[in-house]
Amino acid sequence: MAAPSSRSVRLRYSLPTVSTPISTRAYLYPRLEPTPALSFAVCDLGCDAGIVITASHNPKEYNGYKVYGPDGCQITTEMTGEIQAAIDAV
């Protein structure tokens, strides 16, 4: 795997800070991991959700982040709409 850029590293450490309430625990991998590792970790650790930051061989318009639910699968379109509505309400 390629080394992360300095912007990626800053995002990695800032995301748990801005996306979690005080009573929530955030887990970070100590190194780069393939996406399926997040699905496993979400289930294994009993998490409510997981976020993976994507930026690899894909064109930049496909980079961003993916959200996984407590079942370790990507969230549904319905859940995406609920998240977007909560963001828009801020």
Protein backbone atom coordinates (compact mmCIF):
# COMPACT_ATOMS: atom_id res chain seq x y z
CA MET A 1 0.00 0.00 0.00
CA ALA A 2 1.13 3.52 -0.70
CA ALA A 3 2.12 5.84 2.11
CA PRO A 4 -0.67 8.23 3.15
CA SER A 5 -0.37 11.92 2.32
CA SER A 6 -0.05 14.47 5.13
CA ARG A 7 -3.66 15.57 4.43
CA SER A 8 -4.84 11.98 4.82
CA VAL A 9 -3.03 11.65 8.13
CA ARG A 10 -4.61 14.89 9.44
CA LEU A 11 -8.07 13.68 8.38
CA ARG A 12 -7.50 10.30 10.03
CA TYR A 13 -6.84 11.88 13.41
CA SER A 14 -9.42 14.67 13.19
CA LEU A 15 -12.40 12.60 12.05
CA PRO A 16 -13.00 10.82 15.39
CA THR A 17 -12.72 14.15 17.20
CA VAL A 18 -15.39 15.93 15.18
CA SER A 19 -17.72 13.02 14.48
CA THR A 20 -18.26 11.51 17.93
CA PRO A 21 -20.14 12.70 20.98
CA ILE A 22 -18.26 12.73 24.28
CA SER A 23 -19.76 9.40 25.38
CA THR A 24 -18.65 7.57 22.22
CA ARG A 25 -15.45 5.57 21.75
CA ALA A 26 -13.57 5.73 18.46
CA TYR A 27 -11.12 3.06 17.34
CA LEU A 28 -8.29 3.72 14.88
CA TYR A 29 -6.09 1.18 13.18
CA PRO A 30 -2.39 1.79 13.87
CA ARG A 31 -1.62 1.24 10.16
CA LEU A 32 -3.30 1.19 6.75
CA GLU A 33 -5.73 -1.71 6.37
CA PRO A 34 -7.82 -3.06 3.49
CA THR A 35 -11.51 -2.11 3.55
CA PRO A 36 -12.77 -5.58 4.61
CA ALA A 37 -10.85 -5.18 7.87
CA LEU A 38 -13.30 -2.43 8.85
CA SER A 39 -16.31 -4.68 8.30
CA PHE A 40 -14.72 -7.30 10.54
CA ALA A 41 -13.77 -4.76 13.22
CA VAL A 42 -17.24 -3.18 13.35
CA CYS A 43 -18.77 -6.60 14.07
CA ASP A 44 -15.97 -7.91 16.28
CA LEU A 45 -15.87 -4.80 18.48
CA GLY A 46 -19.66 -4.39 18.60
CA CYS A 47 -19.55 -0.92 17.05
CA ASP A 48 -22.65 1.00 15.97
CA ALA A 49 -20.89 2.13 12.79
CA GLY A 50 -17.56 2.37 11.02
CA ILE A 51 -16.03 4.83 8.57
CA VAL A 52 -13.39 4.06 5.98
CA ILE A 53 -11.62 6.84 4.12
CA THR A 54 -11.20 5.94 0.47
CA ALA A 55 -8.47 7.33 -1.74
CA SER A 56 -6.45 5.00 -3.87
CA HIS A 57 -6.35 4.15 -7.55
CA ASN A 58 -9.83 5.61 -8.13
CA PRO A 59 -10.42 8.95 -9.88
CA LYS A 60 -10.73 11.79 -7.33
CA GLU A 61 -14.51 12.07 -7.77
CA TYR A 62 -14.84 8.57 -6.30
CA ASN A 63 -12.67 9.26 -3.27
CA GLY A 64 -14.26 10.17 0.03
CA TYR A 65 -15.53 7.95 2.80
CA LYS A 66 -17.84 4.99 3.21
CA VAL A 67 -20.01 4.35 6.25
CA TYR A 68 -20.69 0.84 7.52
CA GLY A 69 -23.51 -0.16 9.86
CA PRO A 70 -23.38 -2.42 12.93
CA ASP A 71 -23.73 -5.47 10.66
CA GLY A 72 -20.43 -4.64 8.94
CA CYS A 73 -22.16 -3.80 5.63
CA GLN A 74 -22.28 -0.44 3.86
CA ILE A 75 -25.25 1.61 5.00
CA THR A 76 -28.41 1.72 2.92
CA THR A 77 -29.59 4.59 0.75
CA GLU A 78 -32.27 5.29 3.37
CA MET A 79 -29.68 5.60 6.13
CA THR A 80 -27.57 7.85 3.89
CA GLY A 81 -30.57 10.15 3.51
CA GLU A 82 -31.05 10.28 7.29
CA ILE A 83 -27.40 11.19 7.82
CA GLN A 84 -27.57 13.88 5.13
CA ALA A 85 -30.73 15.33 6.71
CA ALA A 86 -28.96 15.51 10.10
CA ILE A 87 -25.97 17.27 8.49
CA ASP A 88 -28.26 19.72 6.67
CA ALA A 89 -30.03 20.54 9.94
CA VAL A 90 -26.80 21.80 11.54
